[in-house]
Each structure stands twice: as C-alpha cells, then as structure tokens.
N, C-alpha and C. Protein backbone atom coordinates (compact mmCIF):
# COMPACT_ATOMS: atom_id res chain seq x y z
N MET A 1 20.42 32.36 50.57
CA MET A 1 19.23 31.53 50.57
C MET A 1 18.44 31.79 49.30
N SER A 2 17.51 30.93 49.07
CA SER A 2 16.67 31.10 47.89
C SER A 2 15.52 32.04 48.22
N ARG A 3 14.79 32.41 47.20
CA ARG A 3 13.67 33.33 47.41
C ARG A 3 12.52 32.61 48.10
N LYS A 4 11.64 33.36 48.73
CA LYS A 4 10.51 32.80 49.44
C LYS A 4 9.44 32.37 48.45
N VAL A 5 9.00 31.13 48.56
CA VAL A 5 7.97 30.59 47.68
C VAL A 5 6.84 30.11 48.57
N PHE A 6 5.61 30.32 48.11
CA PHE A 6 4.49 29.82 48.87
C PHE A 6 4.39 28.31 48.71
N TYR A 7 4.06 27.62 49.79
CA TYR A 7 4.00 26.16 49.80
C TYR A 7 2.69 25.72 49.19
N LYS A 8 2.71 25.42 47.90
CA LYS A 8 1.52 24.95 47.21
C LYS A 8 1.97 24.08 46.04
N ARG A 9 1.51 22.86 45.99
CA ARG A 9 1.87 21.96 44.91
C ARG A 9 0.60 21.31 44.37
N GLY A 10 0.57 21.07 43.09
CA GLY A 10 -0.57 20.40 42.46
C GLY A 10 -0.18 19.01 42.01
N TRP A 11 -1.08 18.32 41.36
CA TRP A 11 -0.81 16.97 40.85
C TRP A 11 -0.38 17.00 39.40
N ASN A 12 0.06 18.12 38.88
CA ASN A 12 0.47 18.18 37.49
C ASN A 12 1.95 17.88 37.30
N HIS A 13 2.60 17.25 38.26
CA HIS A 13 4.03 16.97 38.19
C HIS A 13 4.34 15.73 37.37
N THR A 14 3.40 14.81 37.25
CA THR A 14 3.67 13.58 36.53
C THR A 14 2.38 13.08 35.89
N LYS A 15 2.52 12.28 34.87
CA LYS A 15 1.34 11.78 34.17
C LYS A 15 0.66 10.66 34.95
N THR A 16 1.44 9.81 35.60
CA THR A 16 0.86 8.71 36.37
C THR A 16 1.26 8.85 37.82
N ARG A 17 0.31 8.82 38.70
CA ARG A 17 0.62 8.94 40.12
C ARG A 17 1.22 7.64 40.63
N GLY A 18 2.12 7.76 41.58
CA GLY A 18 2.73 6.60 42.19
C GLY A 18 4.06 6.20 41.59
N ARG A 19 4.51 6.89 40.58
CA ARG A 19 5.78 6.55 39.94
C ARG A 19 6.78 7.69 40.04
N GLU A 20 6.72 8.45 41.08
CA GLU A 20 7.64 9.55 41.27
C GLU A 20 8.97 9.04 41.80
N THR A 21 10.04 9.75 41.48
CA THR A 21 11.33 9.39 42.05
C THR A 21 11.42 9.98 43.46
N ASN A 22 12.07 9.27 44.33
CA ASN A 22 12.22 9.70 45.72
C ASN A 22 13.60 10.30 45.92
N THR A 23 13.67 11.30 46.76
CA THR A 23 14.94 11.91 47.15
C THR A 23 15.01 11.96 48.67
N THR A 24 16.19 12.16 49.17
CA THR A 24 16.40 12.27 50.60
C THR A 24 16.55 13.73 50.98
N CYS A 25 15.85 14.13 52.03
CA CYS A 25 15.98 15.50 52.53
C CYS A 25 17.40 15.69 53.06
N SER A 26 18.03 16.77 52.67
CA SER A 26 19.41 17.01 53.06
C SER A 26 19.55 17.44 54.51
N PHE A 27 18.45 17.82 55.14
CA PHE A 27 18.52 18.32 56.51
C PHE A 27 18.12 17.28 57.54
N CYS A 28 17.02 16.53 57.28
CA CYS A 28 16.56 15.56 58.28
C CYS A 28 16.73 14.11 57.83
N GLY A 29 16.97 13.86 56.55
CA GLY A 29 17.18 12.50 56.06
C GLY A 29 15.91 11.77 55.69
N ARG A 30 14.77 12.42 55.71
CA ARG A 30 13.49 11.80 55.36
C ARG A 30 13.44 11.54 53.86
N ILE A 31 12.87 10.41 53.45
CA ILE A 31 12.70 10.09 52.04
C ILE A 31 11.37 10.66 51.58
N VAL A 32 11.42 11.55 50.58
CA VAL A 32 10.27 12.31 50.12
C VAL A 32 10.20 12.21 48.60
N PRO A 33 8.98 12.16 48.00
CA PRO A 33 8.89 12.26 46.54
C PRO A 33 9.51 13.56 46.05
N LYS A 34 10.17 13.51 44.90
CA LYS A 34 10.95 14.65 44.44
C LYS A 34 10.09 15.87 44.15
N TYR A 35 8.84 15.68 43.74
CA TYR A 35 8.01 16.84 43.41
C TYR A 35 7.62 17.63 44.65
N LYS A 36 7.72 17.03 45.83
CA LYS A 36 7.38 17.74 47.06
C LYS A 36 8.55 18.51 47.64
N THR A 37 9.74 18.24 47.18
CA THR A 37 10.92 18.88 47.77
C THR A 37 11.14 20.26 47.19
N PHE A 38 11.92 21.06 47.91
CA PHE A 38 12.30 22.39 47.49
C PHE A 38 13.81 22.41 47.32
N ALA A 39 14.27 22.90 46.19
CA ALA A 39 15.70 22.95 45.91
C ALA A 39 16.31 24.18 46.55
N VAL A 40 17.42 23.98 47.23
CA VAL A 40 18.15 25.06 47.90
C VAL A 40 19.57 25.01 47.37
N TYR A 41 20.06 26.14 46.86
CA TYR A 41 21.43 26.22 46.37
C TYR A 41 22.27 26.98 47.38
N ARG A 42 23.38 26.37 47.75
CA ARG A 42 24.30 27.02 48.67
C ARG A 42 25.68 26.99 48.06
N GLY A 43 26.38 28.08 48.19
CA GLY A 43 27.71 28.17 47.61
C GLY A 43 28.71 28.73 48.59
N PHE A 44 29.94 28.56 48.24
CA PHE A 44 31.04 29.08 49.04
C PHE A 44 31.69 30.19 48.23
N GLY A 45 31.62 31.40 48.71
CA GLY A 45 32.19 32.52 47.98
C GLY A 45 33.23 33.25 48.79
N ILE A 46 34.14 33.90 48.09
CA ILE A 46 35.19 34.68 48.73
C ILE A 46 34.86 36.16 48.52
N SER A 47 34.71 36.89 49.59
CA SER A 47 34.34 38.30 49.49
C SER A 47 35.54 39.24 49.60
N ASP A 48 36.67 38.74 50.06
CA ASP A 48 37.85 39.58 50.20
C ASP A 48 38.47 39.83 48.82
N PRO A 49 38.55 41.08 48.35
CA PRO A 49 39.05 41.34 46.99
C PRO A 49 40.51 40.96 46.78
N SER A 50 41.35 41.16 47.80
CA SER A 50 42.77 40.84 47.62
C SER A 50 42.98 39.33 47.53
N LEU A 51 42.25 38.57 48.32
CA LEU A 51 42.36 37.12 48.27
C LEU A 51 41.79 36.58 46.96
N ARG A 52 40.71 37.18 46.49
CA ARG A 52 40.11 36.76 45.21
C ARG A 52 41.06 37.05 44.05
N LYS A 53 41.76 38.18 44.12
CA LYS A 53 42.73 38.54 43.09
C LYS A 53 43.91 37.57 43.08
N GLU A 54 44.32 37.15 44.28
CA GLU A 54 45.45 36.22 44.40
C GLU A 54 45.10 34.85 43.85
N ILE A 55 43.86 34.40 44.11
CA ILE A 55 43.44 33.09 43.61
C ILE A 55 43.16 33.16 42.12
N GLY A 56 42.60 34.27 41.66
CA GLY A 56 42.33 34.46 40.25
C GLY A 56 40.91 34.10 39.84
N LEU A 57 39.96 34.22 40.77
CA LEU A 57 38.57 33.93 40.44
C LEU A 57 37.88 35.21 40.01
N GLY A 58 37.16 35.15 38.90
CA GLY A 58 36.45 36.33 38.42
C GLY A 58 35.14 36.54 39.15
N ALA A 59 34.35 35.48 39.26
CA ALA A 59 33.02 35.62 39.83
C ALA A 59 33.05 35.59 41.36
N GLY A 60 33.98 34.86 41.95
CA GLY A 60 34.05 34.80 43.39
C GLY A 60 33.40 33.58 43.99
N MET A 61 32.60 32.85 43.24
CA MET A 61 31.97 31.63 43.75
C MET A 61 32.85 30.43 43.42
N ILE A 62 33.21 29.67 44.42
CA ILE A 62 34.06 28.51 44.20
C ILE A 62 33.22 27.30 43.84
N SER A 63 32.21 27.01 44.63
CA SER A 63 31.38 25.85 44.33
C SER A 63 29.95 26.13 44.76
N THR A 64 29.01 25.54 44.05
CA THR A 64 27.61 25.65 44.39
C THR A 64 27.05 24.24 44.54
N THR A 65 26.35 23.99 45.63
CA THR A 65 25.79 22.68 45.90
C THR A 65 24.28 22.79 45.95
N LYS A 66 23.60 21.77 45.42
CA LYS A 66 22.14 21.75 45.41
C LYS A 66 21.66 20.81 46.50
N PHE A 67 20.85 21.33 47.41
CA PHE A 67 20.25 20.55 48.48
C PHE A 67 18.76 20.44 48.23
N TYR A 68 18.16 19.36 48.71
CA TYR A 68 16.71 19.20 48.65
C TYR A 68 16.17 19.23 50.07
N ALA A 69 15.11 20.02 50.28
CA ALA A 69 14.49 20.15 51.60
C ALA A 69 13.07 19.62 51.53
N CYS A 70 12.68 18.80 52.51
CA CYS A 70 11.30 18.33 52.59
C CYS A 70 10.42 19.50 53.03
N PRO A 71 9.09 19.41 52.88
CA PRO A 71 8.23 20.54 53.25
C PRO A 71 8.36 20.98 54.72
N ALA A 72 8.55 20.02 55.62
CA ALA A 72 8.67 20.36 57.04
C ALA A 72 9.95 21.14 57.31
N CYS A 73 11.06 20.69 56.75
CA CYS A 73 12.34 21.39 56.95
C CYS A 73 12.34 22.73 56.23
N ALA A 74 11.68 22.81 55.08
CA ALA A 74 11.62 24.07 54.34
C ALA A 74 10.85 25.11 55.12
N ARG A 75 9.78 24.70 55.79
CA ARG A 75 9.02 25.65 56.62
C ARG A 75 9.81 26.02 57.86
N HIS A 76 10.47 25.04 58.47
CA HIS A 76 11.22 25.30 59.69
C HIS A 76 12.41 26.24 59.44
N ARG A 77 13.08 26.07 58.31
CA ARG A 77 14.24 26.88 57.99
C ARG A 77 13.89 28.14 57.20
N ARG A 78 12.58 28.40 57.05
CA ARG A 78 12.06 29.59 56.38
C ARG A 78 12.51 29.72 54.93
N ILE A 79 12.59 28.58 54.24
CA ILE A 79 12.85 28.59 52.80
C ILE A 79 11.56 28.93 52.08
N VAL A 80 10.44 28.43 52.59
CA VAL A 80 9.13 28.71 52.00
C VAL A 80 8.20 29.24 53.09
N LYS A 81 7.11 29.82 52.64
CA LYS A 81 6.07 30.28 53.55
C LYS A 81 4.81 29.47 53.29
N LYS A 82 4.06 29.19 54.35
CA LYS A 82 2.80 28.46 54.23
C LYS A 82 1.74 29.39 53.65
N VAL A 83 0.88 28.84 52.80
CA VAL A 83 -0.17 29.64 52.15
C VAL A 83 -1.19 30.04 53.19
N ARG A 84 -1.45 31.34 53.29
CA ARG A 84 -2.46 31.86 54.21
C ARG A 84 -3.61 32.40 53.37
N LYS A 85 -4.81 31.91 53.65
CA LYS A 85 -5.98 32.37 52.89
C LYS A 85 -6.86 33.26 53.70
C-alpha cells in the first residue's frame, strides 16, 4: 500500500476552476475530478528466490498498476487519514 497521507486539498491544482479532468474511481466507479483522487500503486511480485531465479527477474516486480481512489474509498480502505484538528 501507499503511505498514509492526510486528506487535505487546496484550490492550487489548476489556474481556472471548472476545467479539471475527470477520472473514474477504481474501487466504486464514481466519476471524480482528478485533483481529488489519490493514486494507489499495486504490483505483483514474486518472493520465492528459486522461482525468481528460474524466471530471471532481478527486481522481483512483474507489473505495477496505478489505481485512482476517490476520497470516500481512500478513507474506507485506509489509504489516507482524515485531518483531525
């Protein structure tokens, strides 16, 4: 999982409001502006040394996929923490 980030966003993401690109949340399918989403990287790795030696991978990571999570899913899946004052 990614590191814990506090859920706080400002309006400094774009010069003009209302022209943000939209993305789809990978978990619930909600359409959210891209600046509100949280990027989650997930990969498939092989931890068995003999199998890794047989395949010939040095790093052990086969593929890494980038997912976008909306604020609700990010809080539910504990990717981010809500700001407590």
